[in-house]
């Protein structure tokens, strides 16, 4: 795989890009120019500190976009995958309104780690998720984990009496 034929203007810009202070632009210019001289991706890769597949990706991008491929794009994911849909969020909320002891845990207080473990054990998530995933799920429910005591209640009918009178 090689780059397409370069126009004189493209060659001039790529030659100028080799003097760039931005490593991203420098490496891409080096890759494109080396490919235009007939070097294979496996030959170019060691000299620019990339894998052969990374070199092929740059060549492909240049063939499609031209010099626009020299501009670094965002690394941010285009779409975040959420493991818990709306139904899963409600199930998580219901789960947290129960005592951890109902799930054979030695404590009566929920932690984010414990919520992640029980969510996996109950089949709510396909694998053990991080505490940050649980925190973000609670955030989507409009709940702040630090304020959990205000929205988690016990199934005990005497809970309000035991908890004491509400203050202000």
Protein backbone atom coordinates (compact mmCIF):
# COMPACT_ATOMS: atom_id res chain seq x y z
CA UNK A 1 0.00 0.00 0.00
CA UNK A 2 1.38 3.36 -1.06
CA UNK A 3 0.13 6.95 -1.18
CA UNK A 4 -1.27 8.30 -4.41
CA UNK A 5 0.89 10.55 -6.59
CA UNK A 6 1.65 13.84 -4.86
CA UNK A 7 1.03 17.18 -6.53
CA UNK A 8 3.91 19.68 -6.36
CA UNK A 9 1.90 21.81 -3.88
CA UNK A 10 1.27 18.79 -1.62
CA UNK A 11 4.95 17.82 -1.76
CA UNK A 12 5.96 21.37 -0.78
CA UNK A 13 3.55 21.39 2.18
CA UNK A 14 4.71 17.98 3.32
CA UNK A 15 8.37 19.07 3.09
CA UNK A 16 7.47 22.10 5.23
CA UNK A 17 5.62 19.85 7.67
CA UNK A 18 8.83 18.00 8.43
CA UNK A 19 10.01 21.17 10.20
CA UNK A 20 6.82 21.33 12.27
CA UNK A 21 7.08 21.60 16.04
CA UNK A 22 4.02 19.32 16.34
CA UNK A 23 5.04 15.67 16.48
CA UNK A 24 1.71 14.56 15.02
CA UNK A 25 2.20 16.62 11.85
CA UNK A 26 5.90 15.76 11.63
CA UNK A 27 5.32 11.99 11.78
CA UNK A 28 2.47 12.09 9.29
CA UNK A 29 4.55 14.11 6.82
CA UNK A 30 7.45 11.68 7.22
CA UNK A 31 5.13 8.70 6.60
CA UNK A 32 3.51 10.21 3.51
CA UNK A 33 6.81 11.32 1.96
CA UNK A 34 8.48 7.97 2.64
CA UNK A 35 5.53 6.16 1.09
CA UNK A 36 5.67 8.41 -1.97
CA UNK A 37 9.33 7.33 -2.38
CA UNK A 38 8.23 3.69 -2.56
CA UNK A 39 8.89 2.53 1.01
CA UNK A 40 6.50 -0.10 2.37
CA UNK A 41 4.65 0.45 5.70
CA UNK A 42 6.81 -2.21 7.38
CA UNK A 43 9.92 -0.24 6.38
CA UNK A 44 8.52 3.14 7.45
CA UNK A 45 7.12 2.04 10.83
CA UNK A 46 10.39 1.62 12.79
CA UNK A 47 11.75 4.98 11.66
CA UNK A 48 8.68 6.91 12.88
CA UNK A 49 7.97 4.83 15.98
CA UNK A 50 4.66 3.45 14.76
CA UNK A 51 3.29 0.03 13.85
CA UNK A 52 2.91 -0.99 10.21
CA UNK A 53 -0.87 -0.80 10.68
CA UNK A 54 -0.56 2.74 12.04
CA UNK A 55 1.44 3.68 8.96
CA UNK A 56 -1.21 2.11 6.71
CA UNK A 57 -3.89 4.11 8.54
CA UNK A 58 -2.01 7.36 7.78
CA UNK A 59 -1.58 6.40 4.11
CA UNK A 60 -5.25 5.52 3.87
CA UNK A 61 -6.24 8.83 5.51
CA UNK A 62 -4.05 10.80 3.08
CA UNK A 63 -5.47 8.96 0.08
CA UNK A 64 -8.99 9.85 1.25
CA UNK A 65 -8.57 13.32 2.77
CA UNK A 66 -5.42 14.73 1.23
CA UNK A 67 -3.56 17.26 3.37
CA UNK A 68 -6.53 17.53 5.72
CA UNK A 69 -5.21 14.34 7.37
CA UNK A 70 -2.43 16.47 8.88
CA UNK A 71 -4.90 18.09 11.29
CA UNK A 72 -5.23 16.18 14.54
CA UNK A 73 -8.81 15.22 15.28
CA UNK A 74 -10.37 14.71 18.68
CA UNK A 75 -9.66 11.41 20.45
CA UNK A 76 -12.96 11.66 22.27
CA UNK A 77 -15.33 8.77 21.57
CA UNK A 78 -18.10 9.67 19.16
CA UNK A 79 -20.64 7.76 21.21
CA UNK A 80 -20.43 6.59 24.78
CA UNK A 81 -21.83 3.15 25.34
CA UNK A 82 -24.00 2.92 28.41
CA UNK A 83 -24.42 -0.48 29.99
CA UNK A 84 -27.54 0.49 31.88
CA UNK A 85 -30.52 1.61 29.80
CA UNK A 86 -33.57 3.28 31.39
CA UNK A 87 -34.94 -0.05 32.59
CA UNK A 88 -31.56 -0.99 34.01
CA UNK A 89 -31.35 2.33 35.85
CA UNK A 90 -34.71 1.69 37.50
CA UNK A 91 -33.61 -1.81 38.45
CA UNK A 92 -30.43 -0.35 39.96
CA UNK A 93 -32.49 2.16 41.92
CA UNK A 94 -34.73 -0.64 43.23
CA UNK A 95 -31.67 -2.73 44.09
CA UNK A 96 -30.19 0.11 46.15
CA UNK A 97 -33.43 0.54 48.07
CA UNK A 98 -32.92 -2.95 49.47
CA UNK A 99 -30.44 -3.93 52.13
CA UNK A 100 -27.16 -5.44 50.93
CA UNK A 101 -27.88 -8.21 53.43
CA UNK A 102 -30.73 -9.33 51.15
CA UNK A 103 -27.96 -10.22 48.68
CA UNK A 104 -25.97 -12.14 51.33
CA UNK A 105 -23.49 -9.33 51.97
CA UNK A 106 -21.99 -8.84 55.47
CA UNK A 107 -22.90 -5.15 55.68
CA UNK A 108 -26.05 -3.08 55.72
CA UNK A 109 -24.50 -0.08 53.99
CA UNK A 110 -24.11 0.25 50.22
CA UNK A 111 -20.84 1.33 48.70
CA UNK A 112 -20.26 1.94 45.00
CA UNK A 113 -18.02 -1.14 44.88
CA UNK A 114 -20.69 -3.26 46.53
CA UNK A 115 -23.34 -1.91 44.17
CA UNK A 116 -21.11 -2.85 41.22
CA UNK A 117 -20.61 -6.38 42.57
CA UNK A 118 -24.30 -6.98 43.23
CA UNK A 119 -25.29 -5.46 39.87
CA UNK A 120 -23.10 -8.05 38.16
CA UNK A 121 -24.25 -10.92 40.39
CA UNK A 122 -27.90 -10.06 39.69
CA UNK A 123 -27.27 -9.92 35.93
CA UNK A 124 -27.87 -6.18 35.69
CA UNK A 125 -24.48 -5.70 34.00
CA UNK A 126 -22.74 -8.20 31.70
CA UNK A 127 -19.48 -7.92 33.65
CA UNK A 128 -18.16 -6.35 36.85
CA UNK A 129 -18.22 -2.62 36.15
CA UNK A 130 -16.20 0.09 37.85
CA UNK A 131 -17.42 2.23 40.67
CA UNK A 132 -17.35 5.17 38.25
CA UNK A 133 -19.88 3.40 36.01
CA UNK A 134 -22.24 3.01 38.97
CA UNK A 135 -21.68 6.63 40.01
CA UNK A 136 -22.45 7.84 36.47
CA UNK A 137 -25.58 5.68 36.38
CA UNK A 138 -26.77 7.25 39.63
CA UNK A 139 -25.99 10.67 38.21
CA UNK A 140 -28.23 9.88 35.22
CA UNK A 141 -30.94 9.05 37.75
CA UNK A 142 -30.45 12.52 39.20
CA UNK A 143 -28.88 11.16 42.38
CA UNK A 144 -25.57 12.10 43.95
CA UNK A 145 -23.87 9.20 45.70
CA UNK A 146 -22.65 11.47 48.50
CA UNK A 147 -26.27 12.32 49.23
CA UNK A 148 -27.51 8.73 49.05
CA UNK A 149 -28.83 8.80 52.61
CA UNK A 150 -31.55 11.24 51.51
CA UNK A 151 -33.05 8.96 48.89
CA UNK A 152 -32.26 5.41 50.02
CA UNK A 153 -34.78 4.12 52.48
CA UNK A 154 -35.15 0.83 54.24
CA UNK A 155 -37.93 -1.68 53.48
CA UNK A 156 -38.45 -1.84 57.26
CA UNK A 157 -41.95 -0.46 58.05
CA UNK A 158 -40.52 1.09 61.24
CA UNK A 159 -37.71 2.83 59.33
CA UNK A 160 -39.00 6.40 59.72
CA UNK A 161 -39.65 5.95 63.45
CA UNK A 162 -36.17 4.45 64.00
CA UNK A 163 -34.52 7.10 61.86
CA UNK A 164 -35.96 9.85 63.99
CA UNK A 165 -37.84 13.02 63.16
CA UNK A 166 -36.95 14.77 59.93
CA UNK A 167 -35.08 18.01 60.39
CA UNK A 168 -35.93 21.02 58.29
